[in-house]
Amino acid sequence: MRPFISEFSFGYAITEEIIRHQRHLIDGAPIFPSLLQEGSPGGGYDLKINRIGFPLFLQFKLSHKMVKKSSFEIKDHSLFSTPFFRIHIMPLKLSQQHNMLLSLDDGNNEVYYVAPFFTTQSEINLHYSNRAVISNSIFIKPNTIGNLPDDDEHHISLEQHKSLGYLFSKEPKTIEEIGYSEKFLADMLNKLEQEYEMIDTKIERISRQMLGIISDRIEKDSLLNRLYDLPKNLALLTYLSRLYFDCEVILALR
């Protein structure tokens, strides 16, 4: 069953709920692309935040609900019962996006694929009203998935509330440490409590790291050369995140 909601609707709902859940510690805000002046990564805003914290990078994915026992996960591998969900990863033949996310997810940065365990507008409306979008979503770090074995199509298959998922290519590869909402929220609080660095400093360093990743993975062009010369601020970080990594940014601050 294909999804009948948009990535933007899901992203908006889950971002609002993340901030609401963390309000007692996180004083953050989502940075959506509309806040930037199109084609002007050096403009839009250049503020000094002067707070301790870190940026949270989220790539929103939609899920496909699988309801037939003829699905090869069941028929050929006997891994699931119905329903289960598929989350498709951008193939490397189309984009270096996953490899770039792997490089950004270096153990120091908070980077996640986020996908829902629902597919319809009525479900997202219900979960939004009940403040249950997060508890019906999955958070998966790119390094938990690891390298894709080839340039072909790949997807993650998993059941809600189960601790294991599988990366499917020719043969399934087990994905452990599936990040359900409780673990994700606890990890964010723990990281924020232990954080000591001012976020302006962190934004500058991560912006330089992102430019290096982009340079390694994508052929250099005149735009990338111009980006190197811009101030390494929140505007640039958000621009790079959206344009090259397809991630939205939330600032976690204390």
C-alpha atoms as a PDB file:
ATOM      1  CA  MET A   1       0.000   0.000   0.000  1.00  0.00           C
ATOM      2  CA  ARG A   2       1.627   3.221  -1.139  1.00  0.00           C
ATOM      3  CA  PRO A   3       1.640   6.255   1.182  1.00  0.00           C
ATOM      4  CA  PHE A   4      -1.166   8.776   0.877  1.00  0.00           C
ATOM      5  CA  ILE A   5       0.531  11.511   2.894  1.00  0.00           C
ATOM      6  CA  SER A   6       3.314  13.898   1.920  1.00  0.00           C
ATOM      7  CA  GLU A   7       6.822  14.022   3.331  1.00  0.00           C
ATOM      8  CA  PHE A   8       6.218  17.661   4.217  1.00  0.00           C
ATOM      9  CA  SER A   9       3.091  16.854   6.258  1.00  0.00           C
ATOM     10  CA  PHE A  10       4.883  14.071   8.096  1.00  0.00           C
ATOM     11  CA  GLY A  11       7.976  16.204   8.646  1.00  0.00           C
ATOM     12  CA  TYR A  12       5.965  19.113  10.010  1.00  0.00           C
ATOM     13  CA  ALA A  13       3.988  16.905  12.382  1.00  0.00           C
ATOM     14  CA  ILE A  14       6.970  15.069  13.788  1.00  0.00           C
ATOM     15  CA  THR A  15       9.125  18.185  14.097  1.00  0.00           C
ATOM     16  CA  GLU A  16       6.469  19.981  16.116  1.00  0.00           C
ATOM     17  CA  GLU A  17       6.055  16.962  18.358  1.00  0.00           C
ATOM     18  CA  ILE A  18       9.806  16.531  18.942  1.00  0.00           C
ATOM     19  CA  ILE A  19      10.044  20.115  20.131  1.00  0.00           C
ATOM     20  CA  ARG A  20       6.929  19.738  22.309  1.00  0.00           C
ATOM     21  CA  HIS A  21       8.261  16.559  23.935  1.00  0.00           C
ATOM     22  CA  GLN A  22      11.600  18.197  24.685  1.00  0.00           C
ATOM     23  CA  ARG A  23      10.287  21.590  25.752  1.00  0.00           C
ATOM     24  CA  HIS A  24      11.623  21.328  29.299  1.00  0.00           C
ATOM     25  CA  LEU A  25      15.169  21.068  27.929  1.00  0.00           C
ATOM     26  CA  ILE A  26      15.113  21.770  24.206  1.00  0.00           C
ATOM     27  CA  ASP A  27      14.374  25.302  23.155  1.00  0.00           C
ATOM     28  CA  GLY A  28      14.550  24.641  19.454  1.00  0.00           C
ATOM     29  CA  ALA A  29      12.883  25.497  16.212  1.00  0.00           C
ATOM     30  CA  PRO A  30      12.668  23.764  12.848  1.00  0.00           C
ATOM     31  CA  ILE A  31      14.513  25.531  10.040  1.00  0.00           C
ATOM     32  CA  PHE A  32      12.430  24.955   6.917  1.00  0.00           C
ATOM     33  CA  PRO A  33      13.738  25.907   3.466  1.00  0.00           C
ATOM     34  CA  SER A  34      11.242  28.748   3.093  1.00  0.00           C
ATOM     35  CA  LEU A  35      13.148  30.656   5.754  1.00  0.00           C
ATOM     36  CA  LEU A  36      16.081  30.926   3.358  1.00  0.00           C
ATOM     37  CA  GLN A  37      16.151  33.199   0.389  1.00  0.00           C
ATOM     38  CA  GLU A  38      16.109  30.889  -2.618  1.00  0.00           C
ATOM     39  CA  GLY A  39      19.449  30.769  -4.349  1.00  0.00           C
ATOM     40  CA  SER A  40      21.059  32.904  -1.661  1.00  0.00           C
ATOM     41  CA  PRO A  41      22.660  30.609   0.938  1.00  0.00           C
ATOM     42  CA  GLY A  42      24.624  33.489   2.400  1.00  0.00           C
ATOM     43  CA  GLY A  43      21.502  35.497   3.095  1.00  0.00           C
ATOM     44  CA  GLY A  44      18.274  34.990   4.977  1.00  0.00           C
ATOM     45  CA  TYR A  45      19.592  35.200   8.521  1.00  0.00           C
ATOM     46  CA  ASP A  46      22.890  35.377  10.348  1.00  0.00           C
ATOM     47  CA  LEU A  47      22.244  35.341  14.064  1.00  0.00           C
ATOM     48  CA  LYS A  48      24.515  34.675  16.994  1.00  0.00           C
ATOM     49  CA  ILE A  49      22.802  32.113  19.171  1.00  0.00           C
ATOM     50  CA  ASN A  50      25.259  32.076  22.094  1.00  0.00           C
ATOM     51  CA  ARG A  51      23.770  28.923  23.580  1.00  0.00           C
ATOM     52  CA  ILE A  52      25.032  25.425  24.227  1.00  0.00           C
ATOM     53  CA  GLY A  53      23.501  22.825  21.928  1.00  0.00           C
ATOM     54  CA  PHE A  54      23.682  20.920  18.681  1.00  0.00           C
ATOM     55  CA  PRO A  55      21.867  20.657  15.340  1.00  0.00           C
ATOM     56  CA  LEU A  56      19.692  17.624  14.716  1.00  0.00           C
ATOM     57  CA  PHE A  57      19.557  16.436  11.092  1.00  0.00           C
ATOM     58  CA  LEU A  58      16.400  14.586  10.031  1.00  0.00           C
ATOM     59  CA  GLN A  59      15.694  13.087   6.643  1.00  0.00           C
ATOM     60  CA  PHE A  60      11.994  12.304   6.388  1.00  0.00           C
ATOM     61  CA  LYS A  61      10.962   9.199   4.489  1.00  0.00           C
ATOM     62  CA  LEU A  62       7.534   7.751   3.768  1.00  0.00           C
ATOM     63  CA  SER A  63       6.646   4.110   4.395  1.00  0.00           C
ATOM     64  CA  HIS A  64       4.871   1.587   2.206  1.00  0.00           C
ATOM     65  CA  LYS A  65       2.533  -0.682   4.157  1.00  0.00           C
ATOM     66  CA  MET A  66       2.790  -4.287   2.993  1.00  0.00           C
ATOM     67  CA  VAL A  67      -0.355  -6.326   3.569  1.00  0.00           C
ATOM     68  CA  LYS A  68       0.053  -9.335   1.244  1.00  0.00           C
ATOM     69  CA  LYS A  69       1.655 -12.617   2.270  1.00  0.00           C
ATOM     70  CA  SER A  70       3.046 -12.917  -1.260  1.00  0.00           C
ATOM     71  CA  SER A  71       5.653 -10.236  -0.427  1.00  0.00           C
ATOM     72  CA  PHE A  72       9.100 -11.786  -0.853  1.00  0.00           C
ATOM     73  CA  GLU A  73      10.043 -10.874   2.743  1.00  0.00           C
ATOM     74  CA  ILE A  74       7.403 -13.401   3.800  1.00  0.00           C
ATOM     75  CA  LYS A  75       7.273 -15.795   0.852  1.00  0.00           C
ATOM     76  CA  ASP A  76      11.030 -16.212   0.339  1.00  0.00           C
ATOM     77  CA  HIS A  77      12.479 -15.379   3.765  1.00  0.00           C
ATOM     78  CA  SER A  78       9.691 -15.931   6.360  1.00  0.00           C
ATOM     79  CA  LEU A  79      10.761 -12.810   8.240  1.00  0.00           C
ATOM     80  CA  PHE A  80       7.467 -11.064   8.939  1.00  0.00           C
ATOM     81  CA  SER A  81       3.755 -11.347   9.365  1.00  0.00           C
ATOM     82  CA  THR A  82       1.444  -8.757   7.855  1.00  0.00           C
ATOM     83  CA  PRO A  83       1.331  -5.853   8.016  1.00  0.00           C
ATOM     84  CA  PHE A  84       4.933  -4.735   7.808  1.00  0.00           C
ATOM     85  CA  PHE A  85       6.558  -1.660   6.280  1.00  0.00           C
ATOM     86  CA  ARG A  86       9.110  -0.829   3.614  1.00  0.00           C
ATOM     87  CA  ILE A  87      11.215   2.331   3.661  1.00  0.00           C
ATOM     88  CA  HIS A  88      13.060   3.005   0.413  1.00  0.00           C
ATOM     89  CA  ILE A  89      16.617   4.373   0.396  1.00  0.00           C
ATOM     90  CA  MET A  90      17.791   6.626  -2.425  1.00  0.00           C
ATOM     91  CA  PRO A  91      19.871   4.381  -4.751  1.00  0.00           C
ATOM     92  CA  LEU A  92      23.478   5.378  -5.319  1.00  0.00           C
ATOM     93  CA  LYS A  93      22.989   5.345  -9.086  1.00  0.00           C
ATOM     94  CA  LEU A  94      20.730   8.385  -8.632  1.00  0.00           C
ATOM     95  CA  SER A  95      22.426  10.176  -5.757  1.00  0.00           C
ATOM     96  CA  GLN A  96      25.316   9.921  -3.293  1.00  0.00           C
ATOM     97  CA  GLN A  97      22.886  10.985  -0.580  1.00  0.00           C
ATOM     98  CA  HIS A  98      23.175   7.881   1.625  1.00  0.00           C
ATOM     99  CA  ASN A  99      26.978   7.882   1.503  1.00  0.00           C
ATOM    100  CA  MET A 100      27.003  11.573   2.403  1.00  0.00           C
ATOM    101  CA  LEU A 101      24.707  10.916   5.355  1.00  0.00           C
ATOM    102  CA  LEU A 102      27.020   8.086   6.431  1.00  0.00           C
ATOM    103  CA  SER A 103      29.947  10.513   6.462  1.00  0.00           C
ATOM    104  CA  LEU A 104      27.965  13.110   8.409  1.00  0.00           C
ATOM    105  CA  ASP A 105      26.870  10.433  10.904  1.00  0.00           C
ATOM    106  CA  ASP A 106      30.400  10.131  12.278  1.00  0.00           C
ATOM    107  CA  GLY A 107      29.569   9.554  15.943  1.00  0.00           C
ATOM    108  CA  ASN A 108      29.605  13.258  16.751  1.00  0.00           C
ATOM    109  CA  ASN A 109      26.554  14.475  14.810  1.00  0.00           C
ATOM    110  CA  GLU A 110      22.906  13.539  15.275  1.00  0.00           C
ATOM    111  CA  VAL A 111      21.654  12.277  11.887  1.00  0.00           C
ATOM    112  CA  TYR A 112      18.533  10.175  11.349  1.00  0.00           C
ATOM    113  CA  TYR A 113      16.241   8.741   8.747  1.00  0.00           C
ATOM    114  CA  VAL A 114      12.720   9.180  10.144  1.00  0.00           C
ATOM    115  CA  ALA A 115       9.689   7.296   8.784  1.00  0.00           C
ATOM    116  CA  PRO A 116       6.106   6.659   9.929  1.00  0.00           C
ATOM    117  CA  PHE A 117       4.285   3.440  10.730  1.00  0.00           C
ATOM    118  CA  PHE A 118       1.236   4.818   8.947  1.00  0.00           C
ATOM    119  CA  THR A 119       0.341   5.752   5.395  1.00  0.00           C
ATOM    120  CA  THR A 120      -3.000   7.601   5.332  1.00  0.00           C
ATOM    121  CA  GLN A 121      -4.216  11.108   6.052  1.00  0.00           C
ATOM    122  CA  SER A 122      -6.718   9.880   8.621  1.00  0.00           C
ATOM    123  CA  GLU A 123      -3.915   8.136  10.540  1.00  0.00           C
ATOM    124  CA  ILE A 124      -1.637  11.160  10.602  1.00  0.00           C
ATOM    125  CA  ASN A 125      -4.566  13.332  11.699  1.00  0.00           C
ATOM    126  CA  LEU A 126      -5.349  10.932  14.535  1.00  0.00           C
ATOM    127  CA  HIS A 127      -1.744  10.656  15.705  1.00  0.00           C
ATOM    128  CA  TYR A 128      -1.248  14.414  15.455  1.00  0.00           C
ATOM    129  CA  SER A 129      -4.355  15.036  17.577  1.00  0.00           C
ATOM    130  CA  ASN A 130      -3.186  12.482  20.153  1.00  0.00           C
ATOM    131  CA  ARG A 131       0.427  13.703  20.096  1.00  0.00           C
ATOM    132  CA  ALA A 132       1.445  10.224  19.003  1.00  0.00           C
ATOM    133  CA  VAL A 133       3.326  10.890  15.760  1.00  0.00           C
ATOM    134  CA  ILE A 134       6.714  10.172  17.349  1.00  0.00           C
ATOM    135  CA  SER A 135       5.523   6.983  19.046  1.00  0.00           C
ATOM    136  CA  ASN A 136       4.320   5.728  15.666  1.00  0.00           C
ATOM    137  CA  SER A 137       7.571   6.516  13.861  1.00  0.00           C
ATOM    138  CA  ILE A 138      11.014   4.987  13.474  1.00  0.00           C
ATOM    139  CA  PHE A 139      14.403   6.706  13.827  1.00  0.00           C
ATOM    140  CA  ILE A 140      17.327   5.009  12.076  1.00  0.00           C
ATOM    141  CA  LYS A 141      20.879   6.322  12.008  1.00  0.00           C
ATOM    142  CA  PRO A 142      22.590   5.913   8.619  1.00  0.00           C
ATOM    143  CA  ASN A 143      25.537   4.117  10.205  1.00  0.00           C
ATOM    144  CA  THR A 144      23.136   1.528  11.595  1.00  0.00           C
ATOM    145  CA  ILE A 145      22.250   0.717   7.979  1.00  0.00           C
ATOM    146  CA  GLY A 146      25.860   0.892   6.820  1.00  0.00           C
ATOM    147  CA  ASN A 147      27.150   0.928   3.266  1.00  0.00           C
ATOM    148  CA  LEU A 148      24.820  -0.015   0.451  1.00  0.00           C
ATOM    149  CA  PRO A 149      26.232  -3.064  -1.372  1.00  0.00           C
ATOM    150  CA  ASP A 150      25.672  -1.732  -4.906  1.00  0.00           C
ATOM    151  CA  ASP A 151      23.961   0.962  -6.967  1.00  0.00           C
ATOM    152  CA  ASP A 152      20.641  -0.886  -7.233  1.00  0.00           C
ATOM    153  CA  GLU A 153      17.354  -0.283  -5.406  1.00  0.00           C
ATOM    154  CA  HIS A 154      17.340  -0.979  -1.655  1.00  0.00           C
ATOM    155  CA  HIS A 155      14.767  -0.718   1.081  1.00  0.00           C
ATOM    156  CA  ILE A 156      14.447  -1.326   4.800  1.00  0.00           C
ATOM    157  CA  SER A 157      11.724  -3.738   5.893  1.00  0.00           C
ATOM    158  CA  LEU A 158      10.457  -3.880   9.466  1.00  0.00           C
ATOM    159  CA  GLU A 159       7.470  -4.447  11.705  1.00  0.00           C
ATOM    160  CA  GLN A 160       6.298  -1.925  14.238  1.00  0.00           C
ATOM    161  CA  HIS A 161       7.493  -2.619  17.809  1.00  0.00           C
ATOM    162  CA  LYS A 162      10.052  -5.219  16.684  1.00  0.00           C
ATOM    163  CA  SER A 163      13.708  -4.736  17.582  1.00  0.00           C
ATOM    164  CA  LEU A 164      15.151  -5.892  14.247  1.00  0.00           C
ATOM    165  CA  GLY A 165      14.812  -4.616  10.719  1.00  0.00           C
ATOM    166  CA  TYR A 166      16.381  -5.716   7.440  1.00  0.00           C
ATOM    167  CA  LEU A 167      18.097  -3.960   4.571  1.00  0.00           C
ATOM    168  CA  PHE A 168      16.958  -5.693   1.415  1.00  0.00           C
ATOM    169  CA  SER A 169      19.025  -6.001  -1.721  1.00  0.00           C
ATOM    170  CA  LYS A 170      19.706  -9.479  -3.102  1.00  0.00           C
ATOM    171  CA  GLU A 171      19.803 -10.910   0.404  1.00  0.00           C
ATOM    172  CA  PRO A 172      18.502  -9.349   3.618  1.00  0.00           C
ATOM    173  CA  LYS A 173      20.992  -7.778   6.011  1.00  0.00           C
ATOM    174  CA  THR A 174      19.984  -7.451   9.655  1.00  0.00           C
ATOM    175  CA  ILE A 175      19.669  -3.941  11.070  1.00  0.00           C
ATOM    176  CA  GLU A 176      19.948  -3.808  14.841  1.00  0.00           C
ATOM    177  CA  GLU A 177      19.494  -0.917  17.263  1.00  0.00           C
ATOM    178  CA  ILE A 178      16.220   0.190  15.718  1.00  0.00           C
ATOM    179  CA  GLY A 179      15.491   3.603  17.221  1.00  0.00           C
ATOM    180  CA  TYR A 180      11.958   3.829  18.543  1.00  0.00           C
ATOM    181  CA  SER A 181      10.663   7.041  20.043  1.00  0.00           C
ATOM    182  CA  GLU A 182      11.593   6.321  23.663  1.00  0.00           C
ATOM    183  CA  LYS A 183      15.242   5.662  22.788  1.00  0.00           C
ATOM    184  CA  PHE A 184      15.438   8.616  20.424  1.00  0.00           C
ATOM    185  CA  LEU A 185      14.020  11.090  22.964  1.00  0.00           C
ATOM    186  CA  ALA A 186      16.190   9.703  25.777  1.00  0.00           C
ATOM    187  CA  ASP A 187      19.319   9.913  23.609  1.00  0.00           C
ATOM    188  CA  MET A 188      18.564  13.535  22.694  1.00  0.00           C
ATOM    189  CA  LEU A 189      18.062  14.542  26.334  1.00  0.00           C
ATOM    190  CA  ASN A 190      21.219  12.738  27.427  1.00  0.00           C
ATOM    191  CA  LYS A 191      23.299  14.357  24.682  1.00  0.00           C
ATOM    192  CA  LEU A 192      21.952  17.801  25.486  1.00  0.00           C
ATOM    193  CA  GLU A 193      22.642  17.404  29.202  1.00  0.00           C
ATOM    194  CA  GLN A 194      26.241  16.388  28.449  1.00  0.00           C
ATOM    195  CA  GLU A 195      26.855  18.991  25.733  1.00  0.00           C
ATOM    196  CA  TYR A 196      29.368  21.705  26.569  1.00  0.00           C
ATOM    197  CA  GLU A 197      30.108  23.448  23.264  1.00  0.00           C
ATOM    198  CA  MET A 198      28.465  26.656  22.081  1.00  0.00           C
ATOM    199  CA  ILE A 199      26.262  25.912  19.097  1.00  0.00           C
ATOM    200  CA  ASP A 200      27.742  28.723  16.974  1.00  0.00           C
ATOM    201  CA  THR A 201      31.125  26.988  17.188  1.00  0.00           C
ATOM    202  CA  LYS A 202      29.545  23.640  16.383  1.00  0.00           C
ATOM    203  CA  ILE A 203      27.634  25.066  13.405  1.00  0.00           C
ATOM    204  CA  GLU A 204      30.844  26.508  11.952  1.00  0.00           C
ATOM    205  CA  ARG A 205      32.692  23.190  12.311  1.00  0.00           C
ATOM    206  CA  ILE A 206      29.862  21.065  10.913  1.00  0.00           C
ATOM    207  CA  SER A 207      29.411  23.462   7.969  1.00  0.00           C
ATOM    208  CA  ARG A 208      33.070  22.950   7.062  1.00  0.00           C
ATOM    209  CA  GLN A 209      32.658  19.186   7.489  1.00  0.00           C
ATOM    210  CA  MET A 210      29.617  19.175   5.200  1.00  0.00           C
ATOM    211  CA  LEU A 211      31.472  21.134   2.526  1.00  0.00           C
ATOM    212  CA  GLY A 212      34.270  18.562   2.679  1.00  0.00           C
ATOM    213  CA  ILE A 213      31.788  15.682   2.338  1.00  0.00           C
ATOM    214  CA  ILE A 214      30.100  17.373  -0.614  1.00  0.00           C
ATOM    215  CA  SER A 215      33.449  18.012  -2.265  1.00  0.00           C
ATOM    216  CA  ASP A 216      34.455  14.348  -1.854  1.00  0.00           C
ATOM    217  CA  ARG A 217      31.184  12.925  -3.170  1.00  0.00           C
ATOM    218  CA  ILE A 218      30.079  15.400  -5.822  1.00  0.00           C
ATOM    219  CA  GLU A 219      31.998  16.885  -8.686  1.00  0.00           C
ATOM    220  CA  LYS A 220      33.100  20.385  -7.801  1.00  0.00           C
ATOM    221  CA  ASP A 221      31.349  23.232  -9.584  1.00  0.00           C
ATOM    222  CA  SER A 222      31.213  27.008  -9.417  1.00  0.00           C
ATOM    223  CA  LEU A 223      28.440  26.958  -6.785  1.00  0.00           C
ATOM    224  CA  LEU A 224      30.463  24.789  -4.429  1.00  0.00           C
ATOM    225  CA  ASN A 225      33.461  27.078  -4.843  1.00  0.00           C
ATOM    226  CA  ARG A 226      31.299  30.050  -3.878  1.00  0.00           C
ATOM    227  CA  LEU A 227      29.915  28.225  -0.849  1.00  0.00           C
ATOM    228  CA  TYR A 228      33.418  27.752   0.553  1.00  0.00           C
ATOM    229  CA  ASP A 229      33.794  31.535   0.697  1.00  0.00           C
ATOM    230  CA  LEU A 230      30.560  32.196   2.614  1.00  0.00           C
ATOM    231  CA  PRO A 231      30.338  32.679   6.413  1.00  0.00           C
ATOM    232  CA  LYS A 232      29.941  29.326   8.160  1.00  0.00           C
ATOM    233  CA  ASN A 233      26.699  30.220   9.895  1.00  0.00           C
ATOM    234  CA  LEU A 234      23.220  28.788  10.397  1.00  0.00           C
ATOM    235  CA  ALA A 235      22.047  29.970   6.985  1.00  0.00           C
ATOM    236  CA  LEU A 236      24.826  28.054   5.223  1.00  0.00           C
ATOM    237  CA  LEU A 237      24.396  24.953   7.424  1.00  0.00           C
ATOM    238  CA  THR A 238      20.687  24.806   6.631  1.00  0.00           C
ATOM    239  CA  TYR A 239      21.239  25.437   2.936  1.00  0.00           C
ATOM    240  CA  LEU A 240      23.812  22.630   2.678  1.00  0.00           C
ATOM    241  CA  SER A 241      21.642  20.282   4.700  1.00  0.00           C
ATOM    242  CA  ARG A 242      18.577  20.778   2.535  1.00  0.00           C
ATOM    243  CA  LEU A 243      20.198  21.014  -0.888  1.00  0.00           C
ATOM    244  CA  TYR A 244      22.808  18.262  -0.644  1.00  0.00           C
ATOM    245  CA  PHE A 245      21.752  15.994   2.257  1.00  0.00           C
ATOM    246  CA  ASP A 246      17.947  16.375   1.948  1.00  0.00           C
ATOM    247  CA  CYS A 247      17.708  16.911   5.711  1.00  0.00           C
ATOM    248  CA  GLU A 248      15.777  19.372   7.813  1.00  0.00           C
ATOM    249  CA  VAL A 249      17.460  20.908  10.835  1.00  0.00           C
ATOM    250  CA  ILE A 250      16.249  21.348  14.400  1.00  0.00           C
ATOM    251  CA  LEU A 251      18.415  23.240  16.882  1.00  0.00           C
ATOM    252  CA  ALA A 252      18.580  21.592  20.318  1.00  0.00           C
ATOM    253  CA  LEU A 253      19.564  24.298  22.810  1.00  0.00           C
ATOM    254  CA  ARG A 254      19.937  24.776  26.524  1.00  0.00           C
END
